[in-house]
Amino acid sequence: MSPINIEEKFAAIKEYWHPYLIAELNDNYLKLAKVKDEFVWHKHDHEDELFIIYKGTLIMDFRDKTVEIKTGEVLLVPKGVEHRPRTNGEDVHIMLVEPKQTKHTGELVMAKTVTQLDWL
């Protein structure tokens, strides 16, 4: 058991919208990602997603509303809810807590889909 330096881990991330693993807890992963601009509409049929905003403001579009999540805030996206994360052009650093089996873009497969998660 050793502390994890979150700043160092974020500094090692060079690409946007690519989640990296930093910890495993029970049947969940703690992931880090840098995000910028717009991601894709998607949903996770069987898994909830917990977004923790480490730096910046994440905008989460839902089909019926839009929510802003700021530094130090969290947002739970329930399973089955279609959503699209995005930013207003700024670099946003996010932490995600998700079940291990959660697929990056749900059942959608596209150019931005990450199928192999790497450890930092």
Foldseek 3Di string as FASTA:
>chain_A
DDDDDPVVVVVPDDDALAWAFADDDDQKTKIKGKHAFKDDWAFAQPKKKKKAWQAAWKWKDFPVDIDIAHHGGMDIHDHPTIIIIHHPGDITMIIMIIGPPTWSRHPDDDPSGDDDHHHD
